[in-house]
């Protein structure tokens, strides 16, 4: 839990070590996938810093594909991953490239990879 400091007319919260290490601080988004059936949704999360580095290294080595990204970013309601890294091949054999690309595009957007120069200047 952050520690709140109050002074005359203002206050601020200081983040504690426990707050950072015991909670997930990643954006998530529920996305509809009518390609898979009516009412089908998935929860997609942004990549953690570590997962982003791993995926970037794999992609730059020619080994990254949308299924590798999907297994890292599909999560349940609590933010727990649905798949292990080694399940990427099986996932790729069961989903269309359209669905995998939609998952990848959402993850990359949430993770800040698709920012334009104008977007970066705003932040």
N, C-alpha and C. Protein backbone atom coordinates (compact mmCIF):
# COMPACT_ATOMS: atom_id res chain seq x y z
N UNK A 1 0.84 -1.17 0.00
CA UNK A 1 0.00 0.00 0.00
C UNK A 1 0.89 1.23 0.00
N UNK A 2 0.60 2.20 -0.85
CA UNK A 2 1.39 3.42 -0.85
C UNK A 2 1.27 4.16 0.49
N UNK A 3 2.30 4.87 0.82
CA UNK A 3 2.32 5.69 2.04
C UNK A 3 1.91 7.10 1.65
N UNK A 4 0.96 7.66 2.36
CA UNK A 4 0.49 9.00 2.04
C UNK A 4 1.15 10.02 2.96
N UNK A 5 1.68 11.06 2.37
CA UNK A 5 2.31 12.15 3.11
C UNK A 5 1.42 13.37 2.95
N UNK A 6 1.02 13.96 4.05
CA UNK A 6 0.17 15.15 4.01
C UNK A 6 0.96 16.34 4.54
N UNK A 7 0.91 17.39 3.81
CA UNK A 7 1.51 18.66 4.23
C UNK A 7 0.45 19.74 4.04
N UNK A 8 0.70 20.91 4.48
CA UNK A 8 -0.25 22.00 4.37
C UNK A 8 -0.75 22.17 2.93
N UNK A 9 -2.01 21.82 2.70
CA UNK A 9 -2.63 22.06 1.41
C UNK A 9 -2.31 21.06 0.31
N UNK A 10 -1.48 20.08 0.55
CA UNK A 10 -1.18 19.09 -0.49
C UNK A 10 -0.84 17.75 0.13
N UNK A 11 -0.90 16.73 -0.68
CA UNK A 11 -0.46 15.41 -0.22
C UNK A 11 0.04 14.63 -1.43
N UNK A 12 0.85 13.63 -1.16
CA UNK A 12 1.31 12.75 -2.22
C UNK A 12 1.48 11.35 -1.64
N UNK A 13 1.43 10.38 -2.52
CA UNK A 13 1.61 8.99 -2.10
C UNK A 13 2.96 8.51 -2.58
N UNK A 14 3.70 7.91 -1.68
CA UNK A 14 4.98 7.31 -2.01
C UNK A 14 4.77 5.81 -2.17
N UNK A 15 5.27 5.28 -3.24
CA UNK A 15 5.13 3.86 -3.51
C UNK A 15 6.12 3.08 -2.64
N UNK A 16 5.65 1.98 -2.09
CA UNK A 16 6.52 1.13 -1.28
C UNK A 16 6.99 -0.07 -2.11
N UNK A 17 8.03 -0.69 -1.64
CA UNK A 17 8.58 -1.89 -2.28
C UNK A 17 7.51 -2.98 -2.36
N UNK A 18 6.83 -3.20 -1.24
CA UNK A 18 5.80 -4.24 -1.19
C UNK A 18 4.69 -3.98 -2.21
N UNK A 19 4.28 -2.73 -2.34
CA UNK A 19 3.24 -2.39 -3.30
C UNK A 19 3.66 -2.77 -4.71
N UNK A 20 4.90 -2.48 -5.07
CA UNK A 20 5.38 -2.77 -6.42
C UNK A 20 5.55 -4.26 -6.67
N UNK A 21 6.06 -4.99 -5.68
CA UNK A 21 6.38 -6.40 -5.89
C UNK A 21 5.21 -7.36 -5.65
N UNK A 22 4.20 -6.93 -4.94
CA UNK A 22 3.09 -7.83 -4.64
C UNK A 22 1.88 -7.63 -5.54
N UNK A 23 1.94 -6.68 -6.44
CA UNK A 23 0.81 -6.40 -7.32
C UNK A 23 1.27 -6.38 -8.76
N UNK A 24 0.35 -6.69 -9.65
CA UNK A 24 0.63 -6.54 -11.08
C UNK A 24 0.21 -5.14 -11.48
N UNK A 25 1.06 -4.50 -12.24
CA UNK A 25 0.78 -3.13 -12.66
C UNK A 25 0.76 -3.06 -14.18
N UNK A 26 0.01 -3.95 -14.78
CA UNK A 26 -0.07 -4.03 -16.23
C UNK A 26 -1.50 -3.75 -16.68
N UNK A 27 -1.61 -2.99 -17.77
CA UNK A 27 -2.93 -2.72 -18.33
C UNK A 27 -3.50 -3.99 -18.93
N UNK A 28 -4.81 -4.13 -18.85
CA UNK A 28 -5.52 -5.25 -19.47
C UNK A 28 -6.71 -4.71 -20.23
N UNK A 29 -7.09 -5.45 -21.25
CA UNK A 29 -8.23 -5.04 -22.06
C UNK A 29 -9.00 -6.28 -22.49
N UNK A 30 -10.31 -6.20 -22.37
CA UNK A 30 -11.20 -7.27 -22.84
C UNK A 30 -11.53 -6.96 -24.30
N UNK A 31 -11.28 -7.93 -25.18
CA UNK A 31 -11.45 -7.73 -26.62
C UNK A 31 -12.41 -8.78 -27.17
N UNK A 32 -13.37 -8.33 -27.97
CA UNK A 32 -14.32 -9.24 -28.62
C UNK A 32 -13.67 -9.92 -29.81
N UNK A 33 -13.98 -11.20 -29.98
CA UNK A 33 -13.47 -11.98 -31.11
C UNK A 33 -14.64 -12.67 -31.81
N UNK A 34 -15.42 -11.89 -32.58
CA UNK A 34 -16.54 -12.51 -33.30
C UNK A 34 -16.07 -13.56 -34.31
N UNK A 35 -14.79 -13.52 -34.66
CA UNK A 35 -14.22 -14.52 -35.57
C UNK A 35 -14.31 -15.92 -34.96
N UNK A 36 -14.38 -15.99 -33.63
CA UNK A 36 -14.42 -17.28 -32.94
C UNK A 36 -15.82 -17.67 -32.50
N UNK A 37 -16.77 -16.78 -32.65
CA UNK A 37 -18.15 -17.05 -32.27
C UNK A 37 -18.77 -15.86 -31.56
N UNK A 38 -20.07 -15.84 -31.54
CA UNK A 38 -20.81 -14.74 -30.93
C UNK A 38 -20.54 -14.67 -29.43
N UNK A 39 -20.21 -13.48 -28.94
CA UNK A 39 -19.99 -13.26 -27.51
C UNK A 39 -18.63 -13.71 -27.00
N UNK A 40 -17.73 -14.15 -27.89
CA UNK A 40 -16.41 -14.61 -27.44
C UNK A 40 -15.51 -13.41 -27.19
N UNK A 41 -14.91 -13.37 -26.01
CA UNK A 41 -13.97 -12.31 -25.64
C UNK A 41 -12.72 -12.93 -25.03
N UNK A 42 -11.62 -12.21 -25.14
CA UNK A 42 -10.37 -12.60 -24.49
C UNK A 42 -9.87 -11.40 -23.71
N UNK A 43 -9.13 -11.67 -22.65
CA UNK A 43 -8.48 -10.60 -21.90
C UNK A 43 -7.01 -10.60 -22.32
N UNK A 44 -6.58 -9.43 -22.79
CA UNK A 44 -5.22 -9.27 -23.29
C UNK A 44 -4.51 -8.27 -22.39
N UNK A 45 -3.29 -8.59 -22.02
CA UNK A 45 -2.51 -7.71 -21.15
C UNK A 45 -1.31 -7.13 -21.90
N UNK A 46 -0.86 -5.99 -21.43
CA UNK A 46 0.39 -5.46 -21.98
C UNK A 46 1.53 -6.35 -21.51
N UNK A 47 2.65 -6.26 -22.19
CA UNK A 47 3.82 -7.05 -21.81
C UNK A 47 4.53 -6.41 -20.63
N UNK A 48 5.02 -7.25 -19.74
CA UNK A 48 5.89 -6.74 -18.69
C UNK A 48 7.20 -6.33 -19.36
N UNK A 49 8.03 -5.61 -18.67
CA UNK A 49 9.32 -5.19 -19.25
C UNK A 49 10.15 -6.41 -19.65
N UNK A 50 10.18 -7.43 -18.79
CA UNK A 50 10.95 -8.64 -19.09
C UNK A 50 10.42 -9.38 -20.30
N UNK A 51 9.10 -9.52 -20.39
CA UNK A 51 8.49 -10.21 -21.53
C UNK A 51 8.70 -9.42 -22.82
N UNK A 52 8.68 -8.10 -22.74
CA UNK A 52 8.91 -7.27 -23.92
C UNK A 52 10.32 -7.46 -24.46
N UNK A 53 11.29 -7.53 -23.57
CA UNK A 53 12.68 -7.75 -23.98
C UNK A 53 12.82 -9.13 -24.62
N UNK A 54 12.25 -10.15 -23.98
CA UNK A 54 12.32 -11.50 -24.54
C UNK A 54 11.70 -11.57 -25.93
N UNK A 55 10.53 -10.96 -26.08
CA UNK A 55 9.87 -11.02 -27.38
C UNK A 55 10.65 -10.21 -28.42
N UNK A 56 11.15 -9.05 -28.04
CA UNK A 56 11.93 -8.23 -28.98
C UNK A 56 13.16 -8.97 -29.46
N UNK A 57 13.84 -9.66 -28.54
CA UNK A 57 15.03 -10.42 -28.92
C UNK A 57 14.67 -11.57 -29.86
N UNK A 58 13.56 -12.26 -29.58
CA UNK A 58 13.12 -13.35 -30.45
C UNK A 58 12.73 -12.83 -31.82
N UNK A 59 12.01 -11.70 -31.84
CA UNK A 59 11.57 -11.13 -33.11
C UNK A 59 12.74 -10.65 -33.94
N UNK A 60 13.73 -10.04 -33.31
CA UNK A 60 14.89 -9.55 -34.06
C UNK A 60 15.74 -10.71 -34.58
N UNK A 61 15.63 -11.87 -33.94
CA UNK A 61 16.34 -13.06 -34.40
C UNK A 61 15.54 -13.87 -35.39
N UNK A 62 14.39 -13.34 -35.82
CA UNK A 62 13.55 -14.03 -36.79
C UNK A 62 12.71 -15.14 -36.21
N UNK A 63 12.64 -15.22 -34.88
CA UNK A 63 11.90 -16.32 -34.25
C UNK A 63 10.58 -15.87 -33.62
N UNK A 64 10.28 -14.60 -33.66
CA UNK A 64 9.04 -14.12 -33.06
C UNK A 64 7.88 -14.28 -34.03
N UNK A 65 6.76 -14.75 -33.53
CA UNK A 65 5.56 -14.82 -34.36
C UNK A 65 4.37 -14.47 -33.48
N UNK A 66 3.21 -14.21 -34.08
CA UNK A 66 2.06 -13.79 -33.28
C UNK A 66 1.68 -14.77 -32.17
N UNK A 67 1.86 -16.07 -32.40
CA UNK A 67 1.51 -17.05 -31.36
C UNK A 67 2.45 -16.94 -30.16
N UNK A 68 3.73 -16.63 -30.42
CA UNK A 68 4.67 -16.43 -29.30
C UNK A 68 4.22 -15.26 -28.43
N UNK A 69 3.70 -14.24 -29.07
CA UNK A 69 3.21 -13.08 -28.33
C UNK A 69 1.90 -13.42 -27.62
N UNK A 70 1.02 -14.15 -28.30
CA UNK A 70 -0.29 -14.49 -27.72
C UNK A 70 -0.15 -15.27 -26.41
N UNK A 71 0.77 -16.23 -26.35
CA UNK A 71 0.90 -17.01 -25.12
C UNK A 71 1.38 -16.16 -23.96
N UNK A 72 2.05 -15.07 -24.24
CA UNK A 72 2.54 -14.18 -23.18
C UNK A 72 1.48 -13.19 -22.70
N UNK A 73 0.45 -12.94 -23.51
CA UNK A 73 -0.45 -11.84 -23.18
C UNK A 73 -1.91 -12.22 -22.98
N UNK A 74 -2.28 -13.47 -23.22
CA UNK A 74 -3.66 -13.88 -22.94
C UNK A 74 -3.73 -14.29 -21.47
N UNK A 75 -4.63 -13.63 -20.74
CA UNK A 75 -4.72 -13.85 -19.29
C UNK A 75 -6.16 -14.10 -18.86
N UNK A 76 -6.31 -14.60 -17.63
CA UNK A 76 -7.65 -14.78 -17.07
C UNK A 76 -8.05 -13.51 -16.31
N UNK A 77 -9.18 -13.59 -15.64
CA UNK A 77 -9.71 -12.42 -14.90
C UNK A 77 -8.76 -11.89 -13.83
N UNK A 78 -7.90 -12.76 -13.30
CA UNK A 78 -6.99 -12.33 -12.23
C UNK A 78 -5.63 -11.87 -12.78
N UNK A 79 -5.44 -11.96 -14.11
CA UNK A 79 -4.18 -11.55 -14.71
C UNK A 79 -3.18 -12.69 -14.88
N UNK A 80 -3.58 -13.91 -14.53
CA UNK A 80 -2.70 -15.07 -14.70
C UNK A 80 -2.69 -15.51 -16.15
N UNK A 81 -1.52 -15.86 -16.64
CA UNK A 81 -1.39 -16.32 -18.02
C UNK A 81 -2.21 -17.58 -18.26
N UNK A 82 -2.80 -17.68 -19.46
CA UNK A 82 -3.56 -18.87 -19.83
C UNK A 82 -2.66 -19.96 -20.41
N UNK A 83 -1.54 -19.57 -21.01
CA UNK A 83 -0.68 -20.51 -21.72
C UNK A 83 0.77 -20.40 -21.26
N UNK A 84 1.50 -21.50 -21.43
CA UNK A 84 2.94 -21.52 -21.21
C UNK A 84 3.62 -21.22 -22.55
N UNK A 85 4.85 -20.75 -22.49
CA UNK A 85 5.59 -20.41 -23.71
C UNK A 85 5.60 -21.56 -24.71
N UNK A 86 5.78 -22.78 -24.20
CA UNK A 86 5.91 -23.93 -25.10
C UNK A 86 4.59 -24.32 -25.78
N UNK A 87 3.49 -23.66 -25.44
CA UNK A 87 2.21 -23.95 -26.07
C UNK A 87 1.94 -23.08 -27.29
N UNK A 88 2.89 -22.24 -27.67
CA UNK A 88 2.70 -21.33 -28.81
C UNK A 88 2.42 -22.10 -30.10
N UNK A 89 3.15 -23.18 -30.35
CA UNK A 89 2.95 -23.95 -31.57
C UNK A 89 1.55 -24.53 -31.66
N UNK A 90 1.06 -25.07 -30.55
CA UNK A 90 -0.29 -25.63 -30.55
C UNK A 90 -1.33 -24.54 -30.76
N UNK A 91 -1.14 -23.40 -30.13
CA UNK A 91 -2.06 -22.28 -30.31
C UNK A 91 -2.06 -21.82 -31.76
N UNK A 92 -0.88 -21.75 -32.37
CA UNK A 92 -0.77 -21.32 -33.76
C UNK A 92 -1.49 -22.28 -34.71
N UNK A 93 -1.53 -23.55 -34.35
CA UNK A 93 -2.19 -24.53 -35.22
C UNK A 93 -3.71 -24.52 -35.07
N UNK A 94 -4.22 -23.84 -34.05
CA UNK A 94 -5.66 -23.85 -33.79
C UNK A 94 -6.36 -22.51 -34.05
N UNK A 95 -5.59 -21.43 -34.16
CA UNK A 95 -6.18 -20.12 -34.40
C UNK A 95 -5.75 -19.59 -35.76
N UNK A 96 -6.62 -18.79 -36.35
CA UNK A 96 -6.28 -18.19 -37.65
C UNK A 96 -5.26 -17.08 -37.47
N UNK A 97 -4.59 -16.75 -38.53
CA UNK A 97 -3.63 -15.65 -38.49
C UNK A 97 -4.34 -14.33 -38.21
N UNK A 98 -5.59 -14.22 -38.64
CA UNK A 98 -6.37 -13.00 -38.36
C UNK A 98 -6.55 -12.81 -36.85
N UNK A 99 -6.92 -13.89 -36.16
CA UNK A 99 -7.11 -13.81 -34.70
C UNK A 99 -5.78 -13.55 -34.00
N UNK A 100 -4.74 -14.28 -34.39
CA UNK A 100 -3.42 -14.07 -33.76
C UNK A 100 -2.90 -12.66 -33.99
N UNK A 101 -3.10 -12.14 -35.19
CA UNK A 101 -2.66 -10.76 -35.47
C UNK A 101 -3.45 -9.74 -34.65
N UNK A 102 -4.73 -10.00 -34.42
CA UNK A 102 -5.56 -9.09 -33.60
C UNK A 102 -5.06 -9.10 -32.15
N UNK A 103 -4.73 -10.29 -31.64
CA UNK A 103 -4.17 -10.39 -30.29
C UNK A 103 -2.84 -9.63 -30.21
N UNK A 104 -1.97 -9.88 -31.20
CA UNK A 104 -0.66 -9.23 -31.22
C UNK A 104 -0.79 -7.71 -31.31
N UNK A 105 -1.67 -7.23 -32.18
CA UNK A 105 -1.84 -5.78 -32.35
C UNK A 105 -2.32 -5.13 -31.05
N UNK A 106 -3.23 -5.80 -30.36
CA UNK A 106 -3.73 -5.25 -29.09
C UNK A 106 -2.62 -5.21 -28.05
N UNK A 107 -1.86 -6.30 -27.96
CA UNK A 107 -0.74 -6.35 -27.00
C UNK A 107 0.28 -5.26 -27.28
N UNK A 108 0.65 -5.11 -28.54
CA UNK A 108 1.66 -4.11 -28.90
C UNK A 108 1.16 -2.70 -28.61
N UNK A 109 -0.13 -2.46 -28.87
CA UNK A 109 -0.70 -1.13 -28.58
C UNK A 109 -0.69 -0.88 -27.07
N UNK A 110 -1.15 -1.86 -26.27
CA UNK A 110 -1.16 -1.70 -24.81
C UNK A 110 0.25 -1.51 -24.26
N UNK A 111 1.22 -2.13 -24.91
CA UNK A 111 2.62 -2.10 -24.44
C UNK A 111 3.39 -0.89 -24.95
N UNK A 112 2.76 -0.07 -25.77
CA UNK A 112 3.41 1.15 -26.24
C UNK A 112 4.32 0.96 -27.43
N UNK A 113 4.27 -0.18 -28.09
CA UNK A 113 5.15 -0.43 -29.23
C UNK A 113 4.70 0.28 -30.50
N UNK A 114 3.44 0.62 -30.60
CA UNK A 114 2.92 1.22 -31.83
C UNK A 114 2.74 2.73 -31.70
N UNK A 115 3.44 3.34 -30.80
CA UNK A 115 3.31 4.78 -30.60
C UNK A 115 3.96 5.54 -31.74
N UNK A 116 3.31 6.59 -32.15
CA UNK A 116 3.89 7.49 -33.14
C UNK A 116 4.75 8.52 -32.41
N UNK A 117 5.55 9.26 -33.14
CA UNK A 117 6.35 10.32 -32.53
C UNK A 117 5.46 11.30 -31.80
N UNK A 118 4.28 11.60 -32.36
CA UNK A 118 3.36 12.53 -31.74
C UNK A 118 2.85 11.99 -30.41
N UNK A 119 2.53 10.68 -30.35
CA UNK A 119 2.08 10.07 -29.10
C UNK A 119 3.16 10.15 -28.02
N UNK A 120 4.41 9.91 -28.41
CA UNK A 120 5.51 9.93 -27.45
C UNK A 120 5.75 11.34 -26.91
N UNK A 121 5.55 12.35 -27.74
CA UNK A 121 5.73 13.73 -27.30
C UNK A 121 4.69 14.12 -26.26
N UNK A 122 3.48 13.54 -26.34
CA UNK A 122 2.42 13.84 -25.38
C UNK A 122 2.76 13.31 -24.01
N UNK A 123 3.52 12.22 -23.92
CA UNK A 123 3.83 11.59 -22.63
C UNK A 123 5.14 12.02 -22.15
